Amino acid sequence: MAVNKVNDALDDFVSLPVPRRFYEAVLVHLARLSADEMSVPTNAVSENNQPTNGELSFRGWTRPDVRRLSQEVTNPGVRAVFELPFQNGKETVSMRELMEYTSRTSRQISGDMAGLARKTKRDFASATWPFKPSTGNDGLAEYRIPRYVQEWWREG
């Protein structure tokens, strides 16, 4: 296997093809290795995204953060991202489902998400959301939020 090396002042980096289905797992594993090197405690998550210790976080968000966010956010698009999957027993919600549930357009929901981005950066010093955005098969946004994070939201 050919591996490309790039020299850096701090590390040697390699370019390694990773099958898409393993990409997220590889990133999580590398983050854990980096944290171990720096003696920073990591939060454990089992393969089914369930907490394996009391200090779990998701994308840097902890239970108190998500509970606080649930008390402060009022826009319907963001609230629906947490509430609709919980009601349906799922971890993913599509833009189409959000549009139907909120009676809002995709542009309005995108505006809600832009407001969330400003809020999380300003009030939580976070560049991420407590859910993972992606693009669905229809080309529209979809959001994945683990069940335990949905429950944190409902506790707020």
C-alpha atoms as a PDB file:
ATOM      1  CA  MET A   1       0.000   0.000   0.000  1.00  0.00           C
ATOM      2  CA  ALA A   2       1.337   3.428  -0.917  1.00  0.00           C
ATOM      3  CA  VAL A   3       1.266   6.015   1.847  1.00  0.00           C
ATOM      4  CA  ASN A   4       2.056   9.689   1.203  1.00  0.00           C
ATOM      5  CA  LYS A   5       4.138  11.407   3.898  1.00  0.00           C
ATOM      6  CA  VAL A   6       4.052  15.128   4.562  1.00  0.00           C
ATOM      7  CA  ASN A   7       6.644  16.636   6.892  1.00  0.00           C
ATOM      8  CA  ASP A   8       5.431  19.049   9.533  1.00  0.00           C
ATOM      9  CA  ALA A   9       7.420  20.850  12.189  1.00  0.00           C
ATOM     10  CA  LEU A  10       5.574  18.917  14.909  1.00  0.00           C
ATOM     11  CA  ASP A  11       4.573  15.598  13.363  1.00  0.00           C
ATOM     12  CA  ASP A  12       4.819  13.394  10.329  1.00  0.00           C
ATOM     13  CA  PHE A  13       1.442  12.962   8.665  1.00  0.00           C
ATOM     14  CA  VAL A  14       0.349  10.238   6.296  1.00  0.00           C
ATOM     15  CA  SER A  15      -2.481  10.133   3.816  1.00  0.00           C
ATOM     16  CA  LEU A  16      -4.416   6.933   4.290  1.00  0.00           C
ATOM     17  CA  PRO A  17      -7.537   5.929   2.371  1.00  0.00           C
ATOM     18  CA  VAL A  18     -10.315   4.918   4.759  1.00  0.00           C
ATOM     19  CA  PRO A  19     -13.597   3.289   3.707  1.00  0.00           C
ATOM     20  CA  ARG A  20     -16.438   5.761   4.263  1.00  0.00           C
ATOM     21  CA  ARG A  21     -18.255   3.372   6.606  1.00  0.00           C
ATOM     22  CA  PHE A  22     -15.241   3.443   8.991  1.00  0.00           C
ATOM     23  CA  TYR A  23     -14.417   7.155   8.684  1.00  0.00           C
ATOM     24  CA  GLU A  24     -16.175   8.347  11.853  1.00  0.00           C
ATOM     25  CA  ALA A  25     -14.855   5.422  13.919  1.00  0.00           C
ATOM     26  CA  VAL A  26     -11.298   6.177  12.759  1.00  0.00           C
ATOM     27  CA  LEU A  27     -11.694   9.851  13.732  1.00  0.00           C
ATOM     28  CA  VAL A  28     -13.009   8.908  17.172  1.00  0.00           C
ATOM     29  CA  HIS A  29     -10.147   6.482  17.667  1.00  0.00           C
ATOM     30  CA  LEU A  30      -7.546   9.076  16.601  1.00  0.00           C
ATOM     31  CA  ALA A  31      -9.082  11.660  18.919  1.00  0.00           C
ATOM     32  CA  ARG A  32      -8.856   9.202  21.804  1.00  0.00           C
ATOM     33  CA  LEU A  33      -5.225   8.441  20.984  1.00  0.00           C
ATOM     34  CA  SER A  34      -4.399  12.161  20.831  1.00  0.00           C
ATOM     35  CA  ALA A  35      -6.166  12.764  24.133  1.00  0.00           C
ATOM     36  CA  ASP A  36      -4.249   9.892  25.732  1.00  0.00           C
ATOM     37  CA  GLU A  37      -0.971  11.400  24.536  1.00  0.00           C
ATOM     38  CA  MET A  38      -1.880  14.717  26.135  1.00  0.00           C
ATOM     39  CA  SER A  39      -3.205  13.039  29.319  1.00  0.00           C
ATOM     40  CA  VAL A  40      -6.659  14.468  28.737  1.00  0.00           C
ATOM     41  CA  PRO A  41      -9.487  12.216  29.903  1.00  0.00           C
ATOM     42  CA  THR A  42     -11.798  11.037  27.139  1.00  0.00           C
ATOM     43  CA  ASN A  43     -15.439  10.132  27.360  1.00  0.00           C
ATOM     44  CA  ALA A  44     -16.368   6.562  26.585  1.00  0.00           C
ATOM     45  CA  VAL A  45     -19.163   5.624  24.240  1.00  0.00           C
ATOM     46  CA  SER A  46     -20.177   2.095  23.394  1.00  0.00           C
ATOM     47  CA  GLU A  47     -20.754   0.984  19.809  1.00  0.00           C
ATOM     48  CA  ASN A  48     -24.470   1.804  20.063  1.00  0.00           C
ATOM     49  CA  ASN A  49     -23.701   5.387  21.210  1.00  0.00           C
ATOM     50  CA  GLN A  50     -24.691   4.738  24.824  1.00  0.00           C
ATOM     51  CA  PRO A  51     -22.723   6.185  27.729  1.00  0.00           C
ATOM     52  CA  THR A  52     -20.235   3.875  29.385  1.00  0.00           C
ATOM     53  CA  ASN A  53     -19.320   6.347  32.129  1.00  0.00           C
ATOM     54  CA  GLY A  54     -20.858   9.338  33.875  1.00  0.00           C
ATOM     55  CA  GLU A  55     -18.887  12.003  32.000  1.00  0.00           C
ATOM     56  CA  LEU A  56     -20.210  11.485  28.507  1.00  0.00           C
ATOM     57  CA  SER A  57     -20.264  14.217  25.903  1.00  0.00           C
ATOM     58  CA  PHE A  58     -21.349  14.327  22.279  1.00  0.00           C
ATOM     59  CA  ARG A  59     -19.431  16.579  19.884  1.00  0.00           C
ATOM     60  CA  GLY A  60     -18.094  18.408  22.959  1.00  0.00           C
ATOM     61  CA  TRP A  61     -21.550  18.970  24.479  1.00  0.00           C
ATOM     62  CA  THR A  62     -22.283  17.702  27.991  1.00  0.00           C
ATOM     63  CA  ARG A  63     -25.599  17.038  29.709  1.00  0.00           C
ATOM     64  CA  PRO A  64     -25.618  20.431  31.541  1.00  0.00           C
ATOM     65  CA  ASP A  65     -24.838  22.259  28.266  1.00  0.00           C
ATOM     66  CA  VAL A  66     -27.689  20.575  26.386  1.00  0.00           C
ATOM     67  CA  ARG A  67     -30.117  21.102  29.268  1.00  0.00           C
ATOM     68  CA  ARG A  68     -29.226  24.807  29.366  1.00  0.00           C
ATOM     69  CA  LEU A  69     -29.560  25.109  25.585  1.00  0.00           C
ATOM     70  CA  SER A  70     -33.044  23.544  25.747  1.00  0.00           C
ATOM     71  CA  GLN A  71     -34.117  26.230  28.207  1.00  0.00           C
ATOM     72  CA  GLU A  72     -32.761  29.085  26.090  1.00  0.00           C
ATOM     73  CA  VAL A  73     -33.648  28.125  22.499  1.00  0.00           C
ATOM     74  CA  THR A  74     -37.070  29.215  21.261  1.00  0.00           C
ATOM     75  CA  ASN A  75     -36.875  28.884  17.465  1.00  0.00           C
ATOM     76  CA  PRO A  76     -39.071  26.081  16.136  1.00  0.00           C
ATOM     77  CA  GLY A  77     -36.584  24.521  13.706  1.00  0.00           C
ATOM     78  CA  VAL A  78     -33.976  23.843  16.378  1.00  0.00           C
ATOM     79  CA  ARG A  79     -36.517  22.644  18.922  1.00  0.00           C
ATOM     80  CA  ALA A  80     -37.919  20.231  16.336  1.00  0.00           C
ATOM     81  CA  VAL A  81     -34.455  18.720  15.680  1.00  0.00           C
ATOM     82  CA  PHE A  82     -34.488  17.462  19.273  1.00  0.00           C
ATOM     83  CA  GLU A  83     -38.195  16.792  19.744  1.00  0.00           C
ATOM     84  CA  LEU A  84     -39.234  15.071  16.516  1.00  0.00           C
ATOM     85  CA  PRO A  85     -36.707  12.195  16.596  1.00  0.00           C
ATOM     86  CA  PHE A  86     -37.583  11.588  20.263  1.00  0.00           C
ATOM     87  CA  GLN A  87     -41.293  11.345  19.419  1.00  0.00           C
ATOM     88  CA  ASN A  88     -40.565   8.989  16.512  1.00  0.00           C
ATOM     89  CA  GLY A  89     -38.025   6.850  18.383  1.00  0.00           C
ATOM     90  CA  LYS A  90     -35.289   7.673  15.858  1.00  0.00           C
ATOM     91  CA  GLU A  91     -31.846   9.280  15.931  1.00  0.00           C
ATOM     92  CA  THR A  92     -32.095  11.043  12.571  1.00  0.00           C
ATOM     93  CA  VAL A  93     -34.497  13.686  11.298  1.00  0.00           C
ATOM     94  CA  SER A  94     -34.636  15.011   7.744  1.00  0.00           C
ATOM     95  CA  MET A  95     -35.264  18.544   6.549  1.00  0.00           C
ATOM     96  CA  ARG A  96     -38.497  17.334   4.936  1.00  0.00           C
ATOM     97  CA  GLU A  97     -39.701  15.958   8.282  1.00  0.00           C
ATOM     98  CA  LEU A  98     -38.789  19.225   9.995  1.00  0.00           C
ATOM     99  CA  MET A  99     -40.636  21.247   7.348  1.00  0.00           C
ATOM    100  CA  GLU A 100     -43.764  19.137   7.771  1.00  0.00           C
ATOM    101  CA  TYR A 101     -43.603  19.151  11.573  1.00  0.00           C
ATOM    102  CA  THR A 102     -42.993  22.914  11.931  1.00  0.00           C
ATOM    103  CA  SER A 103     -44.930  24.162   8.856  1.00  0.00           C
ATOM    104  CA  ARG A 104     -41.831  26.155   7.942  1.00  0.00           C
ATOM    105  CA  THR A 105     -39.805  26.302   4.734  1.00  0.00           C
ATOM    106  CA  SER A 106     -36.308  24.889   4.404  1.00  0.00           C
ATOM    107  CA  ARG A 107     -35.057  28.486   4.197  1.00  0.00           C
ATOM    108  CA  GLN A 108     -36.704  29.332   7.536  1.00  0.00           C
ATOM    109  CA  ILE A 109     -35.292  26.212   9.196  1.00  0.00           C
ATOM    110  CA  SER A 110     -31.853  27.021   7.767  1.00  0.00           C
ATOM    111  CA  GLY A 111     -32.239  30.463   9.344  1.00  0.00           C
ATOM    112  CA  ASP A 112     -33.049  28.779  12.659  1.00  0.00           C
ATOM    113  CA  MET A 113     -29.829  26.774  12.337  1.00  0.00           C
ATOM    114  CA  ALA A 114     -27.851  29.930  11.555  1.00  0.00           C
ATOM    115  CA  GLY A 115     -29.256  31.449  14.740  1.00  0.00           C
ATOM    116  CA  LEU A 116     -28.207  28.341  16.630  1.00  0.00           C
ATOM    117  CA  ALA A 117     -24.690  28.625  15.215  1.00  0.00           C
ATOM    118  CA  ARG A 118     -24.434  32.210  16.482  1.00  0.00           C
ATOM    119  CA  LYS A 119     -25.823  31.255  19.886  1.00  0.00           C
ATOM    120  CA  THR A 120     -23.579  28.236  20.408  1.00  0.00           C
ATOM    121  CA  LYS A 121     -20.513  30.235  19.439  1.00  0.00           C
ATOM    122  CA  ARG A 122     -21.446  33.251  21.591  1.00  0.00           C
ATOM    123  CA  ASP A 123     -22.964  31.594  24.669  1.00  0.00           C
ATOM    124  CA  PHE A 124     -21.300  28.180  24.728  1.00  0.00           C
ATOM    125  CA  ALA A 125     -17.948  28.894  23.008  1.00  0.00           C
ATOM    126  CA  SER A 126     -18.681  25.964  20.705  1.00  0.00           C
ATOM    127  CA  ALA A 127     -18.238  25.747  16.963  1.00  0.00           C
ATOM    128  CA  THR A 128     -20.343  22.563  16.826  1.00  0.00           C
ATOM    129  CA  TRP A 129     -23.968  21.719  17.503  1.00  0.00           C
ATOM    130  CA  PRO A 130     -25.106  18.960  19.880  1.00  0.00           C
ATOM    131  CA  PHE A 131     -26.281  17.031  16.815  1.00  0.00           C
ATOM    132  CA  LYS A 132     -24.516  16.031  13.626  1.00  0.00           C
ATOM    133  CA  PRO A 133     -25.649  17.611  10.340  1.00  0.00           C
ATOM    134  CA  SER A 134     -25.243  15.813   7.028  1.00  0.00           C
ATOM    135  CA  THR A 135     -26.807  15.689   3.590  1.00  0.00           C
ATOM    136  CA  GLY A 136     -29.586  13.198   2.959  1.00  0.00           C
ATOM    137  CA  ASN A 137     -30.189  11.185  -0.199  1.00  0.00           C
ATOM    138  CA  ASP A 138     -32.583  13.898  -1.391  1.00  0.00           C
ATOM    139  CA  GLY A 139     -29.817  16.522  -1.228  1.00  0.00           C
ATOM    140  CA  LEU A 140     -31.407  18.278   1.760  1.00  0.00           C
ATOM    141  CA  ALA A 141     -30.016  18.483   5.268  1.00  0.00           C
ATOM    142  CA  GLU A 142     -30.586  15.832   7.877  1.00  0.00           C
ATOM    143  CA  TYR A 143     -29.527  15.787  11.500  1.00  0.00           C
ATOM    144  CA  ARG A 144     -28.401  12.882  13.694  1.00  0.00           C
ATOM    145  CA  ILE A 145     -28.843  13.156  17.424  1.00  0.00           C
ATOM    146  CA  PRO A 146     -28.213  10.193  19.722  1.00  0.00           C
ATOM    147  CA  ARG A 147     -31.101   9.156  21.947  1.00  0.00           C
ATOM    148  CA  TYR A 148     -29.258  10.039  25.145  1.00  0.00           C
ATOM    149  CA  VAL A 149     -28.689  13.619  23.892  1.00  0.00           C
ATOM    150  CA  GLN A 150     -32.395  13.860  23.067  1.00  0.00           C
ATOM    151  CA  GLU A 151     -33.091  12.835  26.664  1.00  0.00           C
ATOM    152  CA  TRP A 152     -30.700  15.499  27.978  1.00  0.00           C
ATOM    153  CA  TRP A 153     -32.702  18.053  25.974  1.00  0.00           C
ATOM    154  CA  ARG A 154     -35.985  16.863  27.500  1.00  0.00           C
ATOM    155  CA  GLU A 155     -34.498  17.161  31.012  1.00  0.00           C
ATOM    156  CA  GLY A 156     -33.924  20.900  30.469  1.00  0.00           C
END
